[in-house]
């Protein structure tokens, strides 16, 4: 996606405007998104796999594929496990994350090296901080709105720079300050509003 985005921007600068509109639309959608966990059984990909492949009702250790007896014929047939469905859903979530993050970074810089390395560092950082975030996520209820505002701001920067500033680059210090202010406000407000919420025990 990074390589494709870089090639598109190099050949047609106006693609950045599509990225900008996409980020603004994503940010606005986040403001109204529900906090309820989605029903994975209704996921179109999960339903398609369940319709076209045999899926065992239980896990089989760490196996994605197993051989089980057919209910009608008794013959041994190949089937996938729920772990395989989980793998597919997780990778689709990674793909959706890339669809958001790649346009966001191209809206900040078109330097392919910076785009590539910053995404790598973001992924490594998110994985390393997973357990810390999982233990504190109940305190960050309003952070979603701050991140939505950041997406709208990043997308708007391109339009502001090209149409209001006459093509001049949006001041980096101002951009950084606004981003930190939005995220800081979301974190501070979340911690204040959830100060009486008991901690979540994530120990196994």
C-alpha atoms as a PDB file:
ATOM      1  CA  UNK A   1       0.000   0.000   0.000  1.00  0.00           C
ATOM      2  CA  UNK A   2       2.888   2.352   0.775  1.00  0.00           C
ATOM      3  CA  UNK A   3       4.534   1.619  -2.579  1.00  0.00           C
ATOM      4  CA  UNK A   4       1.229   2.036  -4.397  1.00  0.00           C
ATOM      5  CA  UNK A   5       0.437   5.271  -2.569  1.00  0.00           C
ATOM      6  CA  UNK A   6       3.882   6.702  -3.318  1.00  0.00           C
ATOM      7  CA  UNK A   7       3.543   5.837  -7.002  1.00  0.00           C
ATOM      8  CA  UNK A   8       0.091   7.417  -7.203  1.00  0.00           C
ATOM      9  CA  UNK A   9       1.198  10.637  -5.485  1.00  0.00           C
ATOM     10  CA  UNK A  10       4.292  10.864  -7.704  1.00  0.00           C
ATOM     11  CA  UNK A  11       2.213  10.499 -10.872  1.00  0.00           C
ATOM     12  CA  UNK A  12      -0.835  12.515  -9.823  1.00  0.00           C
ATOM     13  CA  UNK A  13      -0.655  14.988  -6.934  1.00  0.00           C
ATOM     14  CA  UNK A  14      -4.437  15.354  -6.887  1.00  0.00           C
ATOM     15  CA  UNK A  15      -4.641  11.869  -5.349  1.00  0.00           C
ATOM     16  CA  UNK A  16      -3.744  13.600  -2.082  1.00  0.00           C
ATOM     17  CA  UNK A  17      -7.108  15.369  -2.240  1.00  0.00           C
ATOM     18  CA  UNK A  18      -8.824  11.955  -2.346  1.00  0.00           C
ATOM     19  CA  UNK A  19      -6.743  10.895   0.668  1.00  0.00           C
ATOM     20  CA  UNK A  20      -7.737  14.095   2.451  1.00  0.00           C
ATOM     21  CA  UNK A  21     -11.458  13.614   1.833  1.00  0.00           C
ATOM     22  CA  UNK A  22     -11.160   9.965   2.895  1.00  0.00           C
ATOM     23  CA  UNK A  23      -9.495  10.943   6.194  1.00  0.00           C
ATOM     24  CA  UNK A  24     -12.095  13.617   6.907  1.00  0.00           C
ATOM     25  CA  UNK A  25     -14.925  11.168   6.176  1.00  0.00           C
ATOM     26  CA  UNK A  26     -13.281   8.507   8.380  1.00  0.00           C
ATOM     27  CA  UNK A  27     -12.877  10.982  11.237  1.00  0.00           C
ATOM     28  CA  UNK A  28     -16.509  12.086  11.005  1.00  0.00           C
ATOM     29  CA  UNK A  29     -17.619   8.448  10.936  1.00  0.00           C
ATOM     30  CA  UNK A  30     -15.594   7.741  14.093  1.00  0.00           C
ATOM     31  CA  UNK A  31     -17.530  10.422  15.968  1.00  0.00           C
ATOM     32  CA  UNK A  32     -20.734   8.427  15.476  1.00  0.00           C
ATOM     33  CA  UNK A  33     -19.300   4.912  15.641  1.00  0.00           C
ATOM     34  CA  UNK A  34     -20.790   2.619  18.287  1.00  0.00           C
ATOM     35  CA  UNK A  35     -18.657   1.351  21.174  1.00  0.00           C
ATOM     36  CA  UNK A  36     -20.423  -2.011  21.177  1.00  0.00           C
ATOM     37  CA  UNK A  37     -18.359  -5.020  20.110  1.00  0.00           C
ATOM     38  CA  UNK A  38     -19.349  -6.180  16.602  1.00  0.00           C
ATOM     39  CA  UNK A  39     -20.970  -9.562  16.032  1.00  0.00           C
ATOM     40  CA  UNK A  40     -18.156 -11.452  14.282  1.00  0.00           C
ATOM     41  CA  UNK A  41     -20.591 -14.123  13.055  1.00  0.00           C
ATOM     42  CA  UNK A  42     -22.195 -11.471  10.832  1.00  0.00           C
ATOM     43  CA  UNK A  43     -18.898 -10.467   9.242  1.00  0.00           C
ATOM     44  CA  UNK A  44     -19.293 -10.977   5.453  1.00  0.00           C
ATOM     45  CA  UNK A  45     -15.930 -12.759   5.112  1.00  0.00           C
ATOM     46  CA  UNK A  46     -16.648 -15.071   8.062  1.00  0.00           C
ATOM     47  CA  UNK A  47     -20.082 -15.861   6.630  1.00  0.00           C
ATOM     48  CA  UNK A  48     -18.567 -16.563   3.197  1.00  0.00           C
ATOM     49  CA  UNK A  49     -15.952 -18.925   4.640  1.00  0.00           C
ATOM     50  CA  UNK A  50     -18.585 -20.650   6.786  1.00  0.00           C
ATOM     51  CA  UNK A  51     -20.772 -21.132   3.699  1.00  0.00           C
ATOM     52  CA  UNK A  52     -18.065 -22.418   1.347  1.00  0.00           C
ATOM     53  CA  UNK A  53     -15.908 -24.389   3.786  1.00  0.00           C
ATOM     54  CA  UNK A  54     -16.497 -26.788   6.648  1.00  0.00           C
ATOM     55  CA  UNK A  55     -15.838 -25.094   9.988  1.00  0.00           C
ATOM     56  CA  UNK A  56     -15.467 -27.112  13.177  1.00  0.00           C
ATOM     57  CA  UNK A  57     -17.524 -25.892  16.157  1.00  0.00           C
ATOM     58  CA  UNK A  58     -14.538 -26.169  18.514  1.00  0.00           C
ATOM     59  CA  UNK A  59     -10.847 -25.359  18.542  1.00  0.00           C
ATOM     60  CA  UNK A  60      -8.231 -28.017  17.798  1.00  0.00           C
ATOM     61  CA  UNK A  61      -5.240 -26.676  19.644  1.00  0.00           C
ATOM     62  CA  UNK A  62      -3.192 -24.388  17.406  1.00  0.00           C
ATOM     63  CA  UNK A  63      -4.314 -25.977  14.135  1.00  0.00           C
ATOM     64  CA  UNK A  64      -5.941 -24.012  11.329  1.00  0.00           C
ATOM     65  CA  UNK A  65      -6.945 -27.081   9.299  1.00  0.00           C
ATOM     66  CA  UNK A  66      -8.018 -30.498  10.559  1.00  0.00           C
ATOM     67  CA  UNK A  67      -9.446 -33.731   9.191  1.00  0.00           C
ATOM     68  CA  UNK A  68     -12.816 -34.659  10.711  1.00  0.00           C
ATOM     69  CA  UNK A  69     -15.536 -37.212   9.868  1.00  0.00           C
ATOM     70  CA  UNK A  70     -18.383 -35.946   7.695  1.00  0.00           C
ATOM     71  CA  UNK A  71     -21.736 -35.877   9.531  1.00  0.00           C
ATOM     72  CA  UNK A  72     -23.598 -37.500   6.641  1.00  0.00           C
ATOM     73  CA  UNK A  73     -21.151 -39.932   5.030  1.00  0.00           C
ATOM     74  CA  UNK A  74     -18.755 -40.605   7.885  1.00  0.00           C
ATOM     75  CA  UNK A  75     -15.805 -40.083   5.537  1.00  0.00           C
ATOM     76  CA  UNK A  76     -12.836 -38.042   6.701  1.00  0.00           C
ATOM     77  CA  UNK A  77     -12.937 -34.544   5.211  1.00  0.00           C
ATOM     78  CA  UNK A  78     -10.862 -31.396   5.476  1.00  0.00           C
ATOM     79  CA  UNK A  79     -12.201 -28.555   7.640  1.00  0.00           C
ATOM     80  CA  UNK A  80     -11.028 -25.251   9.070  1.00  0.00           C
ATOM     81  CA  UNK A  81     -11.107 -24.372  12.747  1.00  0.00           C
ATOM     82  CA  UNK A  82     -12.418 -21.207  14.449  1.00  0.00           C
ATOM     83  CA  UNK A  83      -8.748 -20.238  14.885  1.00  0.00           C
ATOM     84  CA  UNK A  84      -8.497 -19.898  11.102  1.00  0.00           C
ATOM     85  CA  UNK A  85     -11.521 -17.572  11.111  1.00  0.00           C
ATOM     86  CA  UNK A  86      -9.861 -15.513  13.857  1.00  0.00           C
ATOM     87  CA  UNK A  87      -6.689 -15.272  11.747  1.00  0.00           C
ATOM     88  CA  UNK A  88      -8.671 -14.014   8.749  1.00  0.00           C
ATOM     89  CA  UNK A  89     -10.540 -11.401  10.818  1.00  0.00           C
ATOM     90  CA  UNK A  90      -7.308 -10.148  12.450  1.00  0.00           C
ATOM     91  CA  UNK A  91      -5.582  -9.756   9.082  1.00  0.00           C
ATOM     92  CA  UNK A  92      -8.602  -7.923   7.692  1.00  0.00           C
ATOM     93  CA  UNK A  93      -8.402  -5.569  10.688  1.00  0.00           C
ATOM     94  CA  UNK A  94      -4.710  -4.981   9.872  1.00  0.00           C
ATOM     95  CA  UNK A  95      -5.688  -4.201   6.293  1.00  0.00           C
ATOM     96  CA  UNK A  96      -8.322  -1.685   7.421  1.00  0.00           C
ATOM     97  CA  UNK A  97      -5.731  -0.100   9.722  1.00  0.00           C
ATOM     98  CA  UNK A  98      -3.406   0.292   6.729  1.00  0.00           C
ATOM     99  CA  UNK A  99      -6.183   1.865   4.655  1.00  0.00           C
ATOM    100  CA  UNK A 100      -6.456   4.597   7.321  1.00  0.00           C
ATOM    101  CA  UNK A 101      -2.810   5.001   8.308  1.00  0.00           C
ATOM    102  CA  UNK A 102      -1.218   5.119   4.852  1.00  0.00           C
ATOM    103  CA  UNK A 103      -3.315   8.067   3.573  1.00  0.00           C
ATOM    104  CA  UNK A 104      -2.780   9.771   6.953  1.00  0.00           C
ATOM    105  CA  UNK A 105       1.009   9.649   6.680  1.00  0.00           C
ATOM    106  CA  UNK A 106       0.953  10.715   3.009  1.00  0.00           C
ATOM    107  CA  UNK A 107      -1.109  13.703   4.101  1.00  0.00           C
ATOM    108  CA  UNK A 108       1.835  14.692   6.323  1.00  0.00           C
ATOM    109  CA  UNK A 109       4.781  13.847   4.056  1.00  0.00           C
ATOM    110  CA  UNK A 110       5.357  12.279   0.654  1.00  0.00           C
ATOM    111  CA  UNK A 111       8.891  11.116   1.512  1.00  0.00           C
ATOM    112  CA  UNK A 112       8.603   7.348   0.978  1.00  0.00           C
ATOM    113  CA  UNK A 113      11.406   6.537   3.429  1.00  0.00           C
ATOM    114  CA  UNK A 114       9.732   8.493   6.238  1.00  0.00           C
ATOM    115  CA  UNK A 115       6.345   6.982   5.365  1.00  0.00           C
ATOM    116  CA  UNK A 116       7.716   3.430   5.455  1.00  0.00           C
ATOM    117  CA  UNK A 117       9.826   3.735   8.615  1.00  0.00           C
ATOM    118  CA  UNK A 118       7.159   5.625  10.563  1.00  0.00           C
ATOM    119  CA  UNK A 119       4.614   2.891   9.873  1.00  0.00           C
ATOM    120  CA  UNK A 120       7.096   0.229  11.001  1.00  0.00           C
ATOM    121  CA  UNK A 121       7.788   2.125  14.235  1.00  0.00           C
ATOM    122  CA  UNK A 122       4.055   2.587  14.820  1.00  0.00           C
ATOM    123  CA  UNK A 123       3.391  -1.146  14.442  1.00  0.00           C
ATOM    124  CA  UNK A 124       6.308  -2.096  16.714  1.00  0.00           C
ATOM    125  CA  UNK A 125       5.214   0.453  19.302  1.00  0.00           C
ATOM    126  CA  UNK A 126       1.580  -0.673  19.271  1.00  0.00           C
ATOM    127  CA  UNK A 127       2.532  -4.307  19.721  1.00  0.00           C
ATOM    128  CA  UNK A 128       4.965  -3.516  22.545  1.00  0.00           C
ATOM    129  CA  UNK A 129       2.411  -1.366  24.387  1.00  0.00           C
ATOM    130  CA  UNK A 130      -0.534  -3.725  23.874  1.00  0.00           C
ATOM    131  CA  UNK A 131      -0.730  -5.019  27.442  1.00  0.00           C
ATOM    132  CA  UNK A 132      -0.291  -1.563  28.949  1.00  0.00           C
ATOM    133  CA  UNK A 133      -3.066  -0.216  26.735  1.00  0.00           C
ATOM    134  CA  UNK A 134      -5.305  -3.217  27.466  1.00  0.00           C
ATOM    135  CA  UNK A 135      -5.007  -2.517  31.199  1.00  0.00           C
ATOM    136  CA  UNK A 136      -5.876   1.175  30.764  1.00  0.00           C
ATOM    137  CA  UNK A 137      -8.318   1.164  27.847  1.00  0.00           C
ATOM    138  CA  UNK A 138     -11.286   1.517  30.211  1.00  0.00           C
ATOM    139  CA  UNK A 139      -9.880   4.936  31.215  1.00  0.00           C
ATOM    140  CA  UNK A 140      -9.638   6.242  27.634  1.00  0.00           C
ATOM    141  CA  UNK A 141     -13.314   6.304  26.716  1.00  0.00           C
ATOM    142  CA  UNK A 142     -13.152   9.746  25.093  1.00  0.00           C
ATOM    143  CA  UNK A 143      -9.845   9.244  23.291  1.00  0.00           C
ATOM    144  CA  UNK A 144     -11.778   7.980  20.271  1.00  0.00           C
ATOM    145  CA  UNK A 145     -13.220  11.451  19.699  1.00  0.00           C
ATOM    146  CA  UNK A 146      -9.782  13.048  19.977  1.00  0.00           C
ATOM    147  CA  UNK A 147      -8.366  10.631  17.381  1.00  0.00           C
ATOM    148  CA  UNK A 148     -11.352  11.321  15.127  1.00  0.00           C
ATOM    149  CA  UNK A 149     -10.600  15.041  15.389  1.00  0.00           C
ATOM    150  CA  UNK A 150      -6.938  14.348  14.526  1.00  0.00           C
ATOM    151  CA  UNK A 151      -7.982  12.503  11.369  1.00  0.00           C
ATOM    152  CA  UNK A 152     -10.237  15.386  10.341  1.00  0.00           C
ATOM    153  CA  UNK A 153      -7.435  17.859  11.048  1.00  0.00           C
ATOM    154  CA  UNK A 154      -4.806  15.906   9.073  1.00  0.00           C
ATOM    155  CA  UNK A 155      -7.136  15.578   6.117  1.00  0.00           C
ATOM    156  CA  UNK A 156      -8.055  19.259   6.292  1.00  0.00           C
ATOM    157  CA  UNK A 157      -4.388  20.317   6.315  1.00  0.00           C
ATOM    158  CA  UNK A 158      -3.952  19.411   2.659  1.00  0.00           C
ATOM    159  CA  UNK A 159      -6.996  21.393   1.590  1.00  0.00           C
ATOM    160  CA  UNK A 160      -6.058  24.363   3.797  1.00  0.00           C
ATOM    161  CA  UNK A 161      -2.463  24.428   2.516  1.00  0.00           C
ATOM    162  CA  UNK A 162      -3.399  24.232  -1.160  1.00  0.00           C
ATOM    163  CA  UNK A 163      -6.564  26.327  -1.272  1.00  0.00           C
ATOM    164  CA  UNK A 164      -6.204  28.821   1.603  1.00  0.00           C
ATOM    165  CA  UNK A 165      -2.436  29.178   1.951  1.00  0.00           C
ATOM    166  CA  UNK A 166      -1.742  29.289  -1.782  1.00  0.00           C
ATOM    167  CA  UNK A 167       0.234  26.050  -1.818  1.00  0.00           C
ATOM    168  CA  UNK A 168       2.408  26.987   1.144  1.00  0.00           C
ATOM    169  CA  UNK A 169       3.190  24.168   3.553  1.00  0.00           C
ATOM    170  CA  UNK A 170       1.148  24.074   6.750  1.00  0.00           C
ATOM    171  CA  UNK A 171       3.503  25.148   9.591  1.00  0.00           C
ATOM    172  CA  UNK A 172       4.957  21.928  11.126  1.00  0.00           C
ATOM    173  CA  UNK A 173       5.074  23.356  14.665  1.00  0.00           C
ATOM    174  CA  UNK A 174       1.460  24.429  14.452  1.00  0.00           C
ATOM    175  CA  UNK A 175       0.475  21.015  13.103  1.00  0.00           C
ATOM    176  CA  UNK A 176       2.351  19.220  15.880  1.00  0.00           C
ATOM    177  CA  UNK A 177       0.911  21.526  18.524  1.00  0.00           C
ATOM    178  CA  UNK A 178      -2.681  21.029  17.355  1.00  0.00           C
ATOM    179  CA  UNK A 179      -2.218  17.250  17.192  1.00  0.00           C
ATOM    180  CA  UNK A 180      -0.751  17.073  20.706  1.00  0.00           C
ATOM    181  CA  UNK A 181      -3.468  19.398  22.006  1.00  0.00           C
ATOM    182  CA  UNK A 182      -6.255  17.238  20.576  1.00  0.00           C
ATOM    183  CA  UNK A 183      -4.803  13.963  21.876  1.00  0.00           C
ATOM    184  CA  UNK A 184      -3.837  15.495  25.216  1.00  0.00           C
ATOM    185  CA  UNK A 185      -7.330  16.884  25.661  1.00  0.00           C
ATOM    186  CA  UNK A 186      -8.857  13.494  24.863  1.00  0.00           C
ATOM    187  CA  UNK A 187      -6.591  11.709  27.351  1.00  0.00           C
ATOM    188  CA  UNK A 188      -7.034  14.331  30.070  1.00  0.00           C
ATOM    189  CA  UNK A 189     -10.811  14.451  29.722  1.00  0.00           C
ATOM    190  CA  UNK A 190     -11.013  10.641  29.686  1.00  0.00           C
ATOM    191  CA  UNK A 191      -8.912  10.293  32.838  1.00  0.00           C
ATOM    192  CA  UNK A 192     -10.975  12.965  34.595  1.00  0.00           C
ATOM    193  CA  UNK A 193     -14.348  11.467  33.653  1.00  0.00           C
ATOM    194  CA  UNK A 194     -13.305   7.892  34.510  1.00  0.00           C
ATOM    195  CA  UNK A 195     -11.343   8.654  37.694  1.00  0.00           C
ATOM    196  CA  UNK A 196     -13.808   6.614  39.783  1.00  0.00           C
ATOM    197  CA  UNK A 197     -13.790   3.582  37.448  1.00  0.00           C
ATOM    198  CA  UNK A 198     -12.055   0.555  39.041  1.00  0.00           C
ATOM    199  CA  UNK A 199      -8.993  -0.849  37.326  1.00  0.00           C
ATOM    200  CA  UNK A 200      -9.368  -3.844  35.028  1.00  0.00           C
ATOM    201  CA  UNK A 201      -7.496  -6.978  36.067  1.00  0.00           C
ATOM    202  CA  UNK A 202      -5.761  -8.391  32.957  1.00  0.00           C
ATOM    203  CA  UNK A 203      -3.820 -11.096  34.794  1.00  0.00           C
ATOM    204  CA  UNK A 204      -4.272 -14.539  33.285  1.00  0.00           C
END
